[in-house]
Amino acid sequence: MAAMKVLLFVTVVVSAIAYTQAVKCYACDSKVGGKTCSKAQSEDSNVIDCSRWTPLTGQEYACVRYEYKIGKETNTLRSCVEKSKSCLRMEQESQFPLKNCKVCDKDKCNGH
């Protein structure tokens, strides 16, 4: 029983630490949601809490904003990304070249 209490305590502490380190990011894709994602985001734009993925992956997250081109159309994506990923690494993993890529680790830093 004592071991179970210790395990529960450790789980709560780890979750609290992960939550306090979580960043909130703007989330949109102009390919799906229209051109409003291409413009600077406002306070009422869609924001996601990246901490919701931490328990699933164990990773820390940052915000990302980049442009990608499909055919002649340039699209903008804003979201969470693993903190360890750089723009170069994401481009290497992507099917499309990325432009104006920015990874940042402050709340809503991917809005401009």
C-alpha atoms as a PDB file:
ATOM      1  CA  MET A   1       0.000   0.000   0.000  1.00  0.00           C
ATOM      2  CA  ALA A   2       2.844   2.412   0.828  1.00  0.00           C
ATOM      3  CA  ALA A   3       4.469   1.740  -2.531  1.00  0.00           C
ATOM      4  CA  MET A   4       1.186   2.625  -4.255  1.00  0.00           C
ATOM      5  CA  LYS A   5       1.017   5.948  -2.381  1.00  0.00           C
ATOM      6  CA  VAL A   6       4.597   6.757  -3.363  1.00  0.00           C
ATOM      7  CA  LEU A   7       3.859   5.933  -7.006  1.00  0.00           C
ATOM      8  CA  LEU A   8       0.754   8.125  -6.939  1.00  0.00           C
ATOM      9  CA  PHE A   9       2.718  10.996  -5.365  1.00  0.00           C
ATOM     10  CA  VAL A  10       5.500  10.740  -7.971  1.00  0.00           C
ATOM     11  CA  THR A  11       2.943  10.673 -10.791  1.00  0.00           C
ATOM     12  CA  VAL A  12       1.247  13.815  -9.477  1.00  0.00           C
ATOM     13  CA  VAL A  13       4.556  15.663  -9.086  1.00  0.00           C
ATOM     14  CA  VAL A  14       5.762  14.705 -12.567  1.00  0.00           C
ATOM     15  CA  SER A  15       2.423  15.753 -14.075  1.00  0.00           C
ATOM     16  CA  ALA A  16       2.561  19.086 -12.260  1.00  0.00           C
ATOM     17  CA  ILE A  17       6.091  19.751 -13.495  1.00  0.00           C
ATOM     18  CA  ALA A  18       5.114  18.856 -17.063  1.00  0.00           C
ATOM     19  CA  TYR A  19       2.057  21.107 -16.834  1.00  0.00           C
ATOM     20  CA  THR A  20       4.022  24.107 -15.544  1.00  0.00           C
ATOM     21  CA  GLN A  21       6.511  23.718 -18.381  1.00  0.00           C
ATOM     22  CA  ALA A  22       3.752  23.500 -20.990  1.00  0.00           C
ATOM     23  CA  VAL A  23       3.370  26.169 -23.603  1.00  0.00           C
ATOM     24  CA  LYS A  24       0.187  27.348 -25.289  1.00  0.00           C
ATOM     25  CA  CYS A  25       0.383  27.841 -29.048  1.00  0.00           C
ATOM     26  CA  TYR A  26      -1.808  29.139 -31.824  1.00  0.00           C
ATOM     27  CA  ALA A  27      -3.075  26.249 -33.925  1.00  0.00           C
ATOM     28  CA  CYS A  28      -4.317  26.492 -37.500  1.00  0.00           C
ATOM     29  CA  ASP A  29      -3.534  25.427 -41.048  1.00  0.00           C
ATOM     30  CA  SER A  30      -4.527  27.722 -43.895  1.00  0.00           C
ATOM     31  CA  LYS A  31      -4.863  24.685 -46.192  1.00  0.00           C
ATOM     32  CA  VAL A  32      -7.710  23.440 -43.983  1.00  0.00           C
ATOM     33  CA  GLY A  33      -9.076  26.526 -42.240  1.00  0.00           C
ATOM     34  CA  GLY A  34      -8.631  29.285 -44.777  1.00  0.00           C
ATOM     35  CA  LYS A  35      -6.334  32.250 -45.142  1.00  0.00           C
ATOM     36  CA  THR A  36      -6.918  33.666 -41.631  1.00  0.00           C
ATOM     37  CA  CYS A  37      -4.053  31.427 -40.488  1.00  0.00           C
ATOM     38  CA  SER A  38      -1.709  33.325 -42.830  1.00  0.00           C
ATOM     39  CA  LYS A  39      -2.377  36.580 -40.958  1.00  0.00           C
ATOM     40  CA  ALA A  40      -1.132  37.595 -37.512  1.00  0.00           C
ATOM     41  CA  GLN A  41      -3.263  35.844 -34.905  1.00  0.00           C
ATOM     42  CA  SER A  42      -5.535  37.708 -32.498  1.00  0.00           C
ATOM     43  CA  GLU A  43      -6.436  36.919 -28.889  1.00  0.00           C
ATOM     44  CA  ASP A  44      -9.578  35.066 -29.986  1.00  0.00           C
ATOM     45  CA  SER A  45      -7.713  32.783 -32.425  1.00  0.00           C
ATOM     46  CA  ASN A  46      -7.541  29.050 -31.766  1.00  0.00           C
ATOM     47  CA  VAL A  47      -5.020  28.241 -28.998  1.00  0.00           C
ATOM     48  CA  ILE A  48      -4.016  24.765 -27.835  1.00  0.00           C
ATOM     49  CA  ASP A  49      -2.260  23.696 -24.658  1.00  0.00           C
ATOM     50  CA  CYS A  50       0.691  21.559 -25.728  1.00  0.00           C
ATOM     51  CA  SER A  51       0.770  19.856 -22.316  1.00  0.00           C
ATOM     52  CA  ARG A  52      -2.065  17.593 -23.409  1.00  0.00           C
ATOM     53  CA  TRP A  53       0.448  15.637 -25.511  1.00  0.00           C
ATOM     54  CA  THR A  54       3.190  15.407 -22.851  1.00  0.00           C
ATOM     55  CA  PRO A  55       1.622  12.481 -20.918  1.00  0.00           C
ATOM     56  CA  LEU A  56       1.315  10.565 -24.193  1.00  0.00           C
ATOM     57  CA  THR A  57       4.826  11.186 -25.503  1.00  0.00           C
ATOM     58  CA  GLY A  58       6.921  12.260 -22.523  1.00  0.00           C
ATOM     59  CA  GLN A  59       8.281  15.109 -24.662  1.00  0.00           C
ATOM     60  CA  GLU A  60       8.403  18.845 -23.995  1.00  0.00           C
ATOM     61  CA  TYR A  61       6.790  21.045 -26.624  1.00  0.00           C
ATOM     62  CA  ALA A  62       7.352  24.410 -28.251  1.00  0.00           C
ATOM     63  CA  CYS A  63       5.341  26.449 -30.745  1.00  0.00           C
ATOM     64  CA  VAL A  64       5.999  26.440 -34.469  1.00  0.00           C
ATOM     65  CA  ARG A  65       4.934  28.564 -37.412  1.00  0.00           C
ATOM     66  CA  TYR A  66       5.955  27.902 -40.991  1.00  0.00           C
ATOM     67  CA  GLU A  67       4.822  28.237 -44.582  1.00  0.00           C
ATOM     68  CA  TYR A  68       4.727  25.388 -47.057  1.00  0.00           C
ATOM     69  CA  LYS A  69       3.820  25.280 -50.712  1.00  0.00           C
ATOM     70  CA  ILE A  70       1.570  22.777 -52.446  1.00  0.00           C
ATOM     71  CA  GLY A  71       1.481  23.432 -56.163  1.00  0.00           C
ATOM     72  CA  LYS A  72       1.249  27.201 -56.541  1.00  0.00           C
ATOM     73  CA  GLU A  73      -0.482  27.754 -53.210  1.00  0.00           C
ATOM     74  CA  THR A  74       1.485  28.854 -50.129  1.00  0.00           C
ATOM     75  CA  ASN A  75      -0.062  27.741 -46.840  1.00  0.00           C
ATOM     76  CA  THR A  76       0.696  28.604 -43.215  1.00  0.00           C
ATOM     77  CA  LEU A  77       0.716  26.173 -40.297  1.00  0.00           C
ATOM     78  CA  ARG A  78       0.823  27.052 -36.579  1.00  0.00           C
ATOM     79  CA  SER A  79       0.949  24.351 -33.922  1.00  0.00           C
ATOM     80  CA  CYS A  80       2.903  22.581 -31.177  1.00  0.00           C
ATOM     81  CA  VAL A  81       6.079  20.697 -32.014  1.00  0.00           C
ATOM     82  CA  GLU A  82       8.516  18.644 -29.968  1.00  0.00           C
ATOM     83  CA  LYS A  83      11.003  21.065 -28.437  1.00  0.00           C
ATOM     84  CA  SER A  84      13.881  18.998 -29.797  1.00  0.00           C
ATOM     85  CA  LYS A  85      12.845  19.578 -33.425  1.00  0.00           C
ATOM     86  CA  SER A  86      14.434  22.335 -35.462  1.00  0.00           C
ATOM     87  CA  CYS A  87      13.068  23.879 -38.651  1.00  0.00           C
ATOM     88  CA  LEU A  88      15.738  22.044 -40.625  1.00  0.00           C
ATOM     89  CA  ARG A  89      14.771  18.699 -39.105  1.00  0.00           C
ATOM     90  CA  MET A  90      11.062  19.315 -39.765  1.00  0.00           C
ATOM     91  CA  GLU A  91      11.818  20.195 -43.374  1.00  0.00           C
ATOM     92  CA  GLN A  92      13.851  17.005 -43.775  1.00  0.00           C
ATOM     93  CA  GLU A  93      10.895  14.994 -42.391  1.00  0.00           C
ATOM     94  CA  SER A  94       8.316  16.876 -44.445  1.00  0.00           C
ATOM     95  CA  GLN A  95       7.109  16.216 -47.955  1.00  0.00           C
ATOM     96  CA  PHE A  96       7.292  19.942 -48.707  1.00  0.00           C
ATOM     97  CA  PRO A  97       9.967  22.629 -48.403  1.00  0.00           C
ATOM     98  CA  LEU A  98       9.285  24.960 -45.451  1.00  0.00           C
ATOM     99  CA  LYS A  99       9.673  28.739 -45.548  1.00  0.00           C
ATOM    100  CA  ASN A 100       9.680  31.366 -42.792  1.00  0.00           C
ATOM    101  CA  CYS A 101       9.908  28.666 -40.150  1.00  0.00           C
ATOM    102  CA  LYS A 102      10.091  29.668 -36.482  1.00  0.00           C
ATOM    103  CA  VAL A 103      10.205  27.450 -33.381  1.00  0.00           C
ATOM    104  CA  CYS A 104       9.734  29.301 -30.075  1.00  0.00           C
ATOM    105  CA  ASP A 105       8.988  28.361 -26.475  1.00  0.00           C
ATOM    106  CA  LYS A 106       6.865  31.177 -25.038  1.00  0.00           C
ATOM    107  CA  ASP A 107       3.054  31.191 -24.830  1.00  0.00           C
ATOM    108  CA  LYS A 108       1.464  32.185 -28.163  1.00  0.00           C
ATOM    109  CA  CYS A 109       4.848  33.105 -29.667  1.00  0.00           C
ATOM    110  CA  ASN A 110       3.867  31.663 -33.056  1.00  0.00           C
ATOM    111  CA  GLY A 111       1.190  34.306 -33.666  1.00  0.00           C
ATOM    112  CA  HIS A 112       3.143  36.672 -35.937  1.00  0.00           C
END
